[in-house]
Amino acid sequence: MRSLLIAASLLAAGTAAAQAPSQPSLEYTFAELRFVDVDVNGGDGFRLGGSYELTGNWLIVGSLTTLDFNNDVDTLTIDIGAGYVWPFQKDWDLVATARFLNTDVDTPFGSDDDSGLGLSGGIRGIIAPQFEVRGSVNHVTVGDSDTFIEIAGDYYFTPEFAAGLSVDLAGDADTLTIGARWYFR
């Protein structure tokens, strides 16, 4: 009888563990696609970005963002850079990145381009099973320099796929994005 109770307990525990949603871990090798909405002149477009985790908590980051505005202005921004991750608690990391940015602007009156740097420092963590939040302070030197705060959250449908929102609150323009990430694990 005792063996039957032990076997039944182990089976019940195994079944419960198999049905429990798996909690994501903080990974840094991913690709993402986001719809971008800018509150200035009806701008919207898409961002294709990603990150690749190297050894020793280092990572490579980059993205390509294309925006169309109602006043026949189009922009294309390409950025590439590197970052470092400081794990400081279970499921919480501090993240810093530095990027080189190049923006091309096309208008009915001609085109122009500008390049500069982007610096970012923030925090990223899991606040509940399957839900990640992140926040950062960012500074870019393209065009008129601007500093903005990003607040974001993602819901993990699987350990490899998450979708969510981000809001950038800036001095020049606020931005809302909605998109998805695919993690290469």
N, C-alpha and C. Protein backbone atom coordinates (compact mmCIF):
# COMPACT_ATOMS: atom_id res chain seq x y z
N MET A 1 0.83 -1.19 0.00
CA MET A 1 0.00 0.00 0.00
C MET A 1 0.87 1.26 0.00
N ARG A 2 1.91 1.21 0.82
CA ARG A 2 2.81 2.37 0.90
C ARG A 2 3.47 2.65 -0.45
N SER A 3 3.91 1.61 -1.16
CA SER A 3 4.51 1.77 -2.49
C SER A 3 3.52 2.36 -3.47
N LEU A 4 2.25 1.98 -3.37
CA LEU A 4 1.22 2.52 -4.25
C LEU A 4 1.02 4.01 -4.00
N LEU A 5 1.02 4.43 -2.73
CA LEU A 5 0.88 5.85 -2.39
C LEU A 5 2.07 6.67 -2.91
N ILE A 6 3.27 6.13 -2.75
CA ILE A 6 4.47 6.84 -3.24
C ILE A 6 4.41 6.96 -4.76
N ALA A 7 4.06 5.88 -5.45
CA ALA A 7 3.97 5.92 -6.91
C ALA A 7 2.90 6.90 -7.37
N ALA A 8 1.75 6.91 -6.69
CA ALA A 8 0.67 7.84 -7.05
C ALA A 8 1.10 9.29 -6.81
N SER A 9 1.81 9.54 -5.73
CA SER A 9 2.30 10.89 -5.44
C SER A 9 3.30 11.35 -6.49
N LEU A 10 4.23 10.48 -6.86
CA LEU A 10 5.21 10.83 -7.90
C LEU A 10 4.53 11.09 -9.24
N LEU A 11 3.54 10.27 -9.59
CA LEU A 11 2.81 10.45 -10.84
C LEU A 11 2.05 11.77 -10.83
N ALA A 12 1.39 12.09 -9.72
CA ALA A 12 0.65 13.34 -9.62
C ALA A 12 1.59 14.54 -9.71
N ALA A 13 2.74 14.46 -9.04
CA ALA A 13 3.71 15.56 -9.10
C ALA A 13 4.25 15.73 -10.51
N GLY A 14 4.54 14.63 -11.18
CA GLY A 14 5.04 14.70 -12.55
C GLY A 14 4.01 15.27 -13.50
N THR A 15 2.74 14.90 -13.34
CA THR A 15 1.68 15.43 -14.18
C THR A 15 1.50 16.92 -13.94
N ALA A 16 1.53 17.35 -12.69
CA ALA A 16 1.40 18.79 -12.38
C ALA A 16 2.55 19.57 -12.96
N ALA A 17 3.76 19.05 -12.87
CA ALA A 17 4.92 19.75 -13.43
C ALA A 17 4.84 19.83 -14.94
N ALA A 18 4.33 18.80 -15.58
CA ALA A 18 4.21 18.81 -17.04
C ALA A 18 3.16 19.81 -17.51
N GLN A 19 2.12 20.04 -16.70
CA GLN A 19 1.06 20.96 -17.09
C GLN A 19 1.36 22.40 -16.70
N ALA A 20 2.28 22.63 -15.80
CA ALA A 20 2.60 23.98 -15.36
C ALA A 20 3.28 24.74 -16.51
N PRO A 21 2.89 26.01 -16.73
CA PRO A 21 3.55 26.76 -17.79
C PRO A 21 5.02 26.95 -17.46
N SER A 22 5.85 26.81 -18.48
CA SER A 22 7.28 26.98 -18.22
C SER A 22 7.60 28.46 -18.12
N GLN A 23 8.37 28.82 -17.15
CA GLN A 23 8.76 30.21 -16.97
C GLN A 23 9.93 30.52 -17.88
N PRO A 24 9.84 31.61 -18.59
CA PRO A 24 10.96 31.96 -19.47
C PRO A 24 12.18 32.36 -18.66
N SER A 25 13.32 32.17 -19.27
CA SER A 25 14.54 32.69 -18.67
C SER A 25 14.97 33.89 -19.50
N LEU A 26 15.80 34.73 -18.95
CA LEU A 26 16.24 35.92 -19.68
C LEU A 26 17.31 35.52 -20.69
N GLU A 27 16.93 35.49 -21.91
CA GLU A 27 17.81 35.14 -23.02
C GLU A 27 18.07 36.39 -23.85
N TYR A 28 19.19 36.41 -24.56
CA TYR A 28 19.56 37.60 -25.33
C TYR A 28 19.87 37.29 -26.79
N THR A 29 19.51 36.11 -27.26
CA THR A 29 19.67 35.79 -28.67
C THR A 29 18.27 35.67 -29.26
N PHE A 30 17.86 36.71 -30.00
CA PHE A 30 16.50 36.75 -30.53
C PHE A 30 16.43 37.62 -31.78
N ALA A 31 15.34 37.45 -32.51
CA ALA A 31 14.97 38.34 -33.61
C ALA A 31 13.58 38.87 -33.29
N GLU A 32 13.31 40.11 -33.66
CA GLU A 32 12.00 40.66 -33.39
C GLU A 32 11.51 41.50 -34.56
N LEU A 33 10.19 41.55 -34.70
CA LEU A 33 9.52 42.41 -35.68
C LEU A 33 8.48 43.21 -34.94
N ARG A 34 8.52 44.55 -35.11
CA ARG A 34 7.61 45.42 -34.37
C ARG A 34 6.97 46.42 -35.31
N PHE A 35 5.68 46.70 -35.08
CA PHE A 35 5.00 47.82 -35.72
C PHE A 35 5.28 49.04 -34.86
N VAL A 36 5.67 50.14 -35.49
CA VAL A 36 6.08 51.35 -34.77
C VAL A 36 5.10 52.47 -35.10
N ASP A 37 4.56 53.15 -34.09
CA ASP A 37 3.68 54.29 -34.27
C ASP A 37 4.29 55.49 -33.55
N VAL A 38 4.58 56.55 -34.32
CA VAL A 38 5.19 57.76 -33.78
C VAL A 38 4.11 58.84 -33.72
N ASP A 39 4.03 59.58 -32.61
CA ASP A 39 2.95 60.55 -32.45
C ASP A 39 3.16 61.86 -33.22
N VAL A 40 4.24 62.01 -33.96
CA VAL A 40 4.50 63.25 -34.70
C VAL A 40 4.16 63.02 -36.17
N ASN A 41 3.34 63.87 -36.75
CA ASN A 41 2.99 63.85 -38.17
C ASN A 41 2.50 62.48 -38.66
N GLY A 42 1.83 61.74 -37.82
CA GLY A 42 1.25 60.46 -38.23
C GLY A 42 2.25 59.44 -38.71
N GLY A 43 3.40 59.36 -38.09
CA GLY A 43 4.43 58.43 -38.54
C GLY A 43 4.17 57.01 -38.06
N ASP A 44 4.40 56.06 -38.97
CA ASP A 44 4.35 54.66 -38.58
C ASP A 44 5.22 53.85 -39.52
N GLY A 45 5.53 52.64 -39.09
CA GLY A 45 6.38 51.77 -39.89
C GLY A 45 6.72 50.50 -39.15
N PHE A 46 7.86 49.92 -39.50
CA PHE A 46 8.27 48.65 -38.92
C PHE A 46 9.73 48.68 -38.48
N ARG A 47 10.00 47.87 -37.47
CA ARG A 47 11.37 47.69 -37.00
C ARG A 47 11.69 46.19 -37.00
N LEU A 48 12.78 45.83 -37.64
CA LEU A 48 13.30 44.47 -37.60
C LEU A 48 14.60 44.55 -36.81
N GLY A 49 14.67 43.83 -35.72
CA GLY A 49 15.85 43.94 -34.86
C GLY A 49 16.24 42.61 -34.27
N GLY A 50 17.33 42.65 -33.55
CA GLY A 50 17.77 41.43 -32.90
C GLY A 50 18.95 41.65 -32.00
N SER A 51 19.31 40.57 -31.35
CA SER A 51 20.41 40.55 -30.41
C SER A 51 21.03 39.17 -30.45
N TYR A 52 22.33 39.11 -30.26
CA TYR A 52 23.03 37.83 -30.23
C TYR A 52 23.95 37.82 -29.02
N GLU A 53 23.71 36.85 -28.14
CA GLU A 53 24.50 36.74 -26.91
C GLU A 53 25.84 36.06 -27.17
N LEU A 54 26.90 36.75 -26.82
CA LEU A 54 28.24 36.21 -26.92
C LEU A 54 28.63 35.61 -25.57
N THR A 55 29.84 35.16 -25.44
CA THR A 55 30.29 34.63 -24.16
C THR A 55 30.65 35.78 -23.22
N GLY A 56 30.64 35.49 -21.95
CA GLY A 56 31.05 36.47 -20.95
C GLY A 56 30.08 37.62 -20.78
N ASN A 57 28.78 37.41 -21.00
CA ASN A 57 27.72 38.40 -20.82
C ASN A 57 27.73 39.53 -21.85
N TRP A 58 28.52 39.42 -22.90
CA TRP A 58 28.54 40.42 -23.97
C TRP A 58 27.49 40.06 -25.02
N LEU A 59 26.99 41.06 -25.73
CA LEU A 59 26.04 40.81 -26.80
C LEU A 59 26.22 41.81 -27.94
N ILE A 60 25.75 41.40 -29.11
CA ILE A 60 25.71 42.26 -30.29
C ILE A 60 24.25 42.61 -30.53
N VAL A 61 23.97 43.87 -30.83
CA VAL A 61 22.59 44.31 -31.06
C VAL A 61 22.51 45.06 -32.39
N GLY A 62 21.33 45.08 -32.97
CA GLY A 62 21.14 45.83 -34.20
C GLY A 62 19.69 45.88 -34.60
N SER A 63 19.36 46.84 -35.46
CA SER A 63 17.99 46.92 -35.98
C SER A 63 17.96 47.77 -37.24
N LEU A 64 16.86 47.60 -37.96
CA LEU A 64 16.55 48.40 -39.15
C LEU A 64 15.13 48.89 -38.96
N THR A 65 14.93 50.21 -38.98
CA THR A 65 13.61 50.80 -38.75
C THR A 65 13.25 51.68 -39.94
N THR A 66 12.08 51.43 -40.51
CA THR A 66 11.59 52.27 -41.61
C THR A 66 10.27 52.91 -41.17
N LEU A 67 10.18 54.23 -41.36
CA LEU A 67 8.99 54.99 -40.95
C LEU A 67 8.50 55.85 -42.11
N ASP A 68 7.19 55.94 -42.26
CA ASP A 68 6.55 56.82 -43.23
C ASP A 68 5.70 57.82 -42.47
N PHE A 69 5.81 59.10 -42.83
CA PHE A 69 5.04 60.15 -42.18
C PHE A 69 4.02 60.73 -43.16
N ASN A 70 2.94 61.32 -42.63
CA ASN A 70 1.87 61.86 -43.46
C ASN A 70 2.32 62.99 -44.39
N ASN A 71 3.39 63.67 -44.08
CA ASN A 71 3.85 64.80 -44.88
C ASN A 71 4.87 64.37 -45.94
N ASP A 72 4.74 63.12 -46.44
CA ASP A 72 5.62 62.57 -47.48
C ASP A 72 7.09 62.53 -47.08
N VAL A 73 7.35 62.30 -45.81
CA VAL A 73 8.71 62.12 -45.31
C VAL A 73 8.88 60.66 -44.92
N ASP A 74 9.94 60.05 -45.40
CA ASP A 74 10.26 58.66 -45.06
C ASP A 74 11.64 58.62 -44.41
N THR A 75 11.79 57.75 -43.42
CA THR A 75 13.10 57.59 -42.79
C THR A 75 13.48 56.12 -42.74
N LEU A 76 14.76 55.88 -42.81
CA LEU A 76 15.32 54.54 -42.64
C LEU A 76 16.49 54.67 -41.68
N THR A 77 16.42 53.96 -40.56
CA THR A 77 17.48 54.01 -39.56
C THR A 77 18.05 52.61 -39.39
N ILE A 78 19.37 52.54 -39.47
CA ILE A 78 20.10 51.29 -39.24
C ILE A 78 21.00 51.51 -38.05
N ASP A 79 20.96 50.57 -37.10
CA ASP A 79 21.88 50.69 -35.96
C ASP A 79 22.53 49.36 -35.68
N ILE A 80 23.75 49.44 -35.22
CA ILE A 80 24.53 48.25 -34.85
C ILE A 80 25.38 48.61 -33.64
N GLY A 81 25.51 47.66 -32.72
CA GLY A 81 26.29 47.98 -31.53
C GLY A 81 26.56 46.75 -30.68
N ALA A 82 26.96 47.03 -29.46
CA ALA A 82 27.30 45.98 -28.51
C ALA A 82 26.75 46.35 -27.14
N GLY A 83 26.64 45.35 -26.30
CA GLY A 83 26.13 45.59 -24.97
C GLY A 83 26.70 44.61 -23.96
N TYR A 84 26.36 44.85 -22.71
CA TYR A 84 26.81 44.00 -21.62
C TYR A 84 25.64 43.78 -20.67
N VAL A 85 25.53 42.57 -20.13
CA VAL A 85 24.46 42.18 -19.22
C VAL A 85 25.06 41.87 -17.86
N TRP A 86 24.50 42.49 -16.81
CA TRP A 86 24.91 42.22 -15.43
C TRP A 86 23.75 41.51 -14.71
N PRO A 87 23.81 40.19 -14.56
CA PRO A 87 22.77 39.52 -13.77
C PRO A 87 22.94 39.95 -12.31
N PHE A 88 21.88 40.49 -11.70
CA PHE A 88 22.06 40.92 -10.32
C PHE A 88 21.09 40.25 -9.36
N GLN A 89 20.04 39.61 -9.84
CA GLN A 89 19.15 38.80 -9.02
C GLN A 89 18.58 37.71 -9.92
N LYS A 90 18.00 36.70 -9.31
CA LYS A 90 17.36 35.67 -10.12
C LYS A 90 16.28 36.33 -10.97
N ASP A 91 16.35 36.12 -12.27
CA ASP A 91 15.38 36.65 -13.24
C ASP A 91 15.42 38.17 -13.40
N TRP A 92 16.50 38.83 -12.98
CA TRP A 92 16.63 40.28 -13.17
C TRP A 92 18.05 40.61 -13.64
N ASP A 93 18.14 41.40 -14.70
CA ASP A 93 19.43 41.81 -15.26
C ASP A 93 19.47 43.32 -15.46
N LEU A 94 20.66 43.87 -15.32
CA LEU A 94 20.94 45.23 -15.77
C LEU A 94 21.59 45.11 -17.15
N VAL A 95 21.20 45.97 -18.08
CA VAL A 95 21.68 45.88 -19.45
C VAL A 95 22.13 47.26 -19.92
N ALA A 96 23.31 47.31 -20.54
CA ALA A 96 23.81 48.56 -21.13
C ALA A 96 24.23 48.28 -22.57
N THR A 97 23.90 49.21 -23.48
CA THR A 97 24.32 49.07 -24.88
C THR A 97 24.84 50.39 -25.41
N ALA A 98 25.71 50.28 -26.40
CA ALA A 98 26.19 51.44 -27.17
C ALA A 98 26.03 51.06 -28.64
N ARG A 99 25.47 51.98 -29.43
CA ARG A 99 25.18 51.70 -30.83
C ARG A 99 25.65 52.83 -31.73
N PHE A 100 25.99 52.47 -32.96
CA PHE A 100 26.20 53.43 -34.02
C PHE A 100 24.91 53.47 -34.84
N LEU A 101 24.38 54.68 -35.10
CA LEU A 101 23.13 54.83 -35.84
C LEU A 101 23.36 55.65 -37.10
N ASN A 102 22.66 55.26 -38.16
CA ASN A 102 22.67 56.02 -39.40
C ASN A 102 21.23 56.14 -39.86
N THR A 103 20.77 57.38 -40.08
CA THR A 103 19.40 57.65 -40.50
C THR A 103 19.40 58.37 -41.83
N ASP A 104 18.64 57.83 -42.79
CA ASP A 104 18.39 58.47 -44.08
C ASP A 104 16.99 59.04 -44.06
N VAL A 105 16.85 60.29 -44.52
CA VAL A 105 15.55 60.96 -44.56
C VAL A 105 15.28 61.38 -46.00
N ASP A 106 14.11 60.97 -46.52
CA ASP A 106 13.68 61.35 -47.86
C ASP A 106 12.45 62.23 -47.74
N THR A 107 12.50 63.40 -48.40
CA THR A 107 11.38 64.34 -48.41
C THR A 107 11.07 64.71 -49.86
N PRO A 108 9.95 65.38 -50.11
CA PRO A 108 9.66 65.85 -51.46
C PRO A 108 10.71 66.86 -51.97
N PHE A 109 11.50 67.42 -51.08
CA PHE A 109 12.47 68.45 -51.45
C PHE A 109 13.90 67.92 -51.51
N GLY A 110 14.08 66.62 -51.30
CA GLY A 110 15.41 66.05 -51.34
C GLY A 110 15.61 65.05 -50.21
N SER A 111 16.84 64.63 -50.06
CA SER A 111 17.13 63.66 -49.00
C SER A 111 18.39 64.07 -48.25
N ASP A 112 18.54 63.49 -47.08
CA ASP A 112 19.69 63.79 -46.25
C ASP A 112 19.92 62.58 -45.35
N ASP A 113 21.09 62.51 -44.77
CA ASP A 113 21.37 61.45 -43.80
C ASP A 113 22.19 62.02 -42.67
N ASP A 114 22.13 61.33 -41.55
CA ASP A 114 22.86 61.75 -40.36
C ASP A 114 23.25 60.49 -39.61
N SER A 115 24.34 60.54 -38.90
CA SER A 115 24.75 59.41 -38.09
C SER A 115 25.16 59.91 -36.71
N GLY A 116 25.13 59.00 -35.77
CA GLY A 116 25.47 59.36 -34.41
C GLY A 116 25.53 58.12 -33.53
N LEU A 117 25.46 58.36 -32.24
CA LEU A 117 25.56 57.28 -31.26
C LEU A 117 24.27 57.16 -30.47
N GLY A 118 24.03 55.95 -29.98
CA GLY A 118 22.92 55.70 -29.08
C GLY A 118 23.45 54.97 -27.86
N LEU A 119 23.13 55.46 -26.68
CA LEU A 119 23.53 54.83 -25.43
C LEU A 119 22.28 54.47 -24.64
N SER A 120 22.32 53.30 -23.99
CA SER A 120 21.15 52.83 -23.27
C SER A 120 21.58 52.13 -22.00
N GLY A 121 20.84 52.33 -20.93
CA GLY A 121 21.04 51.62 -19.68
C GLY A 121 19.69 51.29 -19.08
N GLY A 122 19.49 50.02 -18.69
CA GLY A 122 18.18 49.67 -18.17
C GLY A 122 18.17 48.40 -17.38
N ILE A 123 16.96 47.96 -17.08
CA ILE A 123 16.72 46.76 -16.28
C ILE A 123 15.72 45.89 -17.03
N ARG A 124 15.87 44.58 -16.86
CA ARG A 124 14.99 43.62 -17.52
C ARG A 124 14.74 42.48 -16.55
N GLY A 125 13.46 42.06 -16.42
CA GLY A 125 13.19 40.99 -15.49
C GLY A 125 11.87 40.30 -15.72
N ILE A 126 11.72 39.16 -15.07
CA ILE A 126 10.50 38.36 -15.11
C ILE A 126 9.72 38.69 -13.83
N ILE A 127 8.50 39.24 -13.97
CA ILE A 127 7.72 39.61 -12.78
C ILE A 127 6.66 38.58 -12.43
N ALA A 128 6.32 37.73 -13.38
CA ALA A 128 5.36 36.65 -13.15
C ALA A 128 5.65 35.57 -14.18
N PRO A 129 5.19 34.36 -13.93
CA PRO A 129 5.41 33.34 -14.96
C PRO A 129 4.90 33.82 -16.31
N GLN A 130 5.73 33.76 -17.29
CA GLN A 130 5.43 34.11 -18.67
C GLN A 130 5.30 35.61 -18.94
N PHE A 131 5.69 36.49 -17.98
CA PHE A 131 5.57 37.93 -18.23
C PHE A 131 6.87 38.65 -17.87
N GLU A 132 7.44 39.32 -18.86
CA GLU A 132 8.69 40.06 -18.70
C GLU A 132 8.42 41.56 -18.81
N VAL A 133 9.15 42.34 -18.02
CA VAL A 133 9.11 43.79 -18.13
C VAL A 133 10.53 44.31 -18.31
N ARG A 134 10.63 45.48 -18.92
CA ARG A 134 11.93 46.13 -19.04
C ARG A 134 11.72 47.63 -19.09
N GLY A 135 12.74 48.32 -18.64
CA GLY A 135 12.73 49.77 -18.68
C GLY A 135 14.15 50.25 -18.88
N SER A 136 14.28 51.36 -19.60
CA SER A 136 15.63 51.88 -19.85
C SER A 136 15.59 53.39 -20.08
N VAL A 137 16.74 53.99 -19.87
CA VAL A 137 16.97 55.39 -20.23
C VAL A 137 17.91 55.36 -21.42
N ASN A 138 17.55 56.08 -22.48
CA ASN A 138 18.29 56.04 -23.74
C ASN A 138 18.63 57.45 -24.20
N HIS A 139 19.77 57.59 -24.84
CA HIS A 139 20.17 58.88 -25.40
C HIS A 139 20.70 58.65 -26.81
N VAL A 140 20.20 59.43 -27.77
CA VAL A 140 20.67 59.34 -29.16
C VAL A 140 21.19 60.69 -29.61
N THR A 141 22.20 60.67 -30.48
CA THR A 141 22.81 61.91 -30.96
C THR A 141 22.58 62.10 -32.46
N VAL A 142 21.54 61.48 -33.02
CA VAL A 142 21.20 61.65 -34.42
C VAL A 142 20.24 62.82 -34.53
N GLY A 143 20.48 63.71 -35.52
CA GLY A 143 19.63 64.90 -35.64
C GLY A 143 19.80 65.74 -34.39
N ASP A 144 18.69 66.20 -33.86
CA ASP A 144 18.73 66.86 -32.55
C ASP A 144 18.84 65.77 -31.50
N SER A 145 19.85 65.84 -30.66
CA SER A 145 20.01 64.83 -29.61
C SER A 145 18.75 64.75 -28.77
N ASP A 146 18.42 63.55 -28.31
CA ASP A 146 17.23 63.37 -27.51
C ASP A 146 17.47 62.26 -26.50
N THR A 147 16.86 62.40 -25.33
CA THR A 147 16.89 61.38 -24.30
C THR A 147 15.46 60.91 -24.08
N PHE A 148 15.28 59.61 -23.98
CA PHE A 148 13.93 59.07 -23.79
C PHE A 148 13.95 57.89 -22.84
N ILE A 149 12.77 57.60 -22.31
CA ILE A 149 12.58 56.48 -21.40
C ILE A 149 11.74 55.44 -22.13
N GLU A 150 12.19 54.19 -22.07
CA GLU A 150 11.40 53.09 -22.65
C GLU A 150 10.83 52.25 -21.52
N ILE A 151 9.53 51.94 -21.63
CA ILE A 151 8.85 51.03 -20.71
C ILE A 151 8.21 49.96 -21.59
N ALA A 152 8.46 48.68 -21.29
CA ALA A 152 7.98 47.61 -22.17
C ALA A 152 7.61 46.38 -21.37
N GLY A 153 6.80 45.54 -22.01
CA GLY A 153 6.44 44.26 -21.43
C GLY A 153 6.15 43.25 -22.52
N ASP A 154 6.50 42.00 -22.27
CA ASP A 154 6.26 40.91 -23.21
C ASP A 154 5.62 39.74 -22.49
N TYR A 155 4.69 39.09 -23.18
CA TYR A 155 4.07 37.87 -22.69
C TYR A 155 4.64 36.70 -23.49
N TYR A 156 5.12 35.68 -22.80
CA TYR A 156 5.70 34.49 -23.44
C TYR A 156 4.60 33.46 -23.70
N PHE A 157 4.29 33.23 -24.96
CA PHE A 157 3.34 32.19 -25.32
C PHE A 157 4.01 30.81 -25.23
N THR A 158 5.29 30.77 -25.58
CA THR A 158 6.14 29.60 -25.41
C THR A 158 7.50 30.13 -24.96
N PRO A 159 8.42 29.29 -24.52
CA PRO A 159 9.74 29.80 -24.17
C PRO A 159 10.48 30.44 -25.35
N GLU A 160 10.07 30.12 -26.58
CA GLU A 160 10.75 30.67 -27.76
C GLU A 160 10.01 31.86 -28.38
N PHE A 161 8.75 32.11 -28.03
CA PHE A 161 7.95 33.14 -28.68
C PHE A 161 7.27 34.04 -27.66
N ALA A 162 7.49 35.35 -27.81
CA ALA A 162 6.86 36.34 -26.93
C ALA A 162 6.34 37.50 -27.77
N ALA A 163 5.31 38.15 -27.27
CA ALA A 163 4.75 39.32 -27.94
C ALA A 163 4.44 40.37 -26.89
N GLY A 164 4.51 41.64 -27.29
CA GLY A 164 4.24 42.68 -26.30
C GLY A 164 4.25 44.08 -26.85
N LEU A 165 4.24 45.03 -25.93
CA LEU A 165 4.17 46.46 -26.21
C LEU A 165 5.38 47.17 -25.63
N SER A 166 5.73 48.30 -26.24
CA SER A 166 6.71 49.19 -25.64
C SER A 166 6.28 50.63 -25.89
N VAL A 167 6.61 51.49 -24.96
CA VAL A 167 6.33 52.92 -25.07
C VAL A 167 7.63 53.67 -24.84
N ASP A 168 7.97 54.57 -25.76
CA ASP A 168 9.11 55.46 -25.60
C ASP A 168 8.58 56.86 -25.31
N LEU A 169 8.96 57.43 -24.19
CA LEU A 169 8.55 58.78 -23.81
C LEU A 169 9.76 59.68 -23.98
N ALA A 170 9.66 60.59 -24.98
CA ALA A 170 10.82 61.39 -25.35
C ALA A 170 10.46 62.87 -25.36
N GLY A 171 11.49 63.69 -25.48
CA GLY A 171 11.28 65.13 -25.57
C GLY A 171 10.73 65.56 -26.93
N ASP A 172 11.18 64.88 -28.01
CA ASP A 172 10.76 65.27 -29.36
C ASP A 172 9.52 64.53 -29.83
N ALA A 173 9.41 63.25 -29.58
CA ALA A 173 8.28 62.45 -30.05
C ALA A 173 8.14 61.20 -29.19
N ASP A 174 6.90 60.83 -28.92
CA ASP A 174 6.63 59.59 -28.20
C ASP A 174 6.33 58.49 -29.21
N THR A 175 6.70 57.26 -28.86
CA THR A 175 6.56 56.14 -29.77
C THR A 175 5.91 54.96 -29.05
N LEU A 176 5.01 54.28 -29.75
CA LEU A 176 4.39 53.06 -29.27
C LEU A 176 4.73 51.95 -30.26
N THR A 177 5.17 50.79 -29.76
CA THR A 177 5.42 49.65 -30.64
C THR A 177 4.66 48.44 -30.13
N ILE A 178 4.28 47.60 -31.07
CA ILE A 178 3.69 46.31 -30.75
C ILE A 178 4.38 45.29 -31.64
N GLY A 179 4.76 44.17 -31.06
CA GLY A 179 5.50 43.22 -31.88
C GLY A 179 5.74 41.90 -31.19
N ALA A 180 6.60 41.12 -31.83
CA ALA A 180 6.88 39.77 -31.35
C ALA A 180 8.37 39.49 -31.43
N ARG A 181 8.81 38.62 -30.53
CA ARG A 181 10.20 38.16 -30.49
C ARG A 181 10.23 36.65 -30.63
N TRP A 182 11.23 36.19 -31.38
CA TRP A 182 11.49 34.75 -31.48
C TRP A 182 12.89 34.51 -30.93
N TYR A 183 12.97 33.70 -29.88
CA TYR A 183 14.24 33.41 -29.23
C TYR A 183 14.85 32.15 -29.83
N PHE A 184 16.13 32.20 -30.12
CA PHE A 184 16.88 31.06 -30.63
C PHE A 184 17.52 30.37 -29.43
N ARG A 185 16.94 29.34 -28.93
CA ARG A 185 17.46 28.68 -27.73
C ARG A 185 18.08 27.35 -28.07
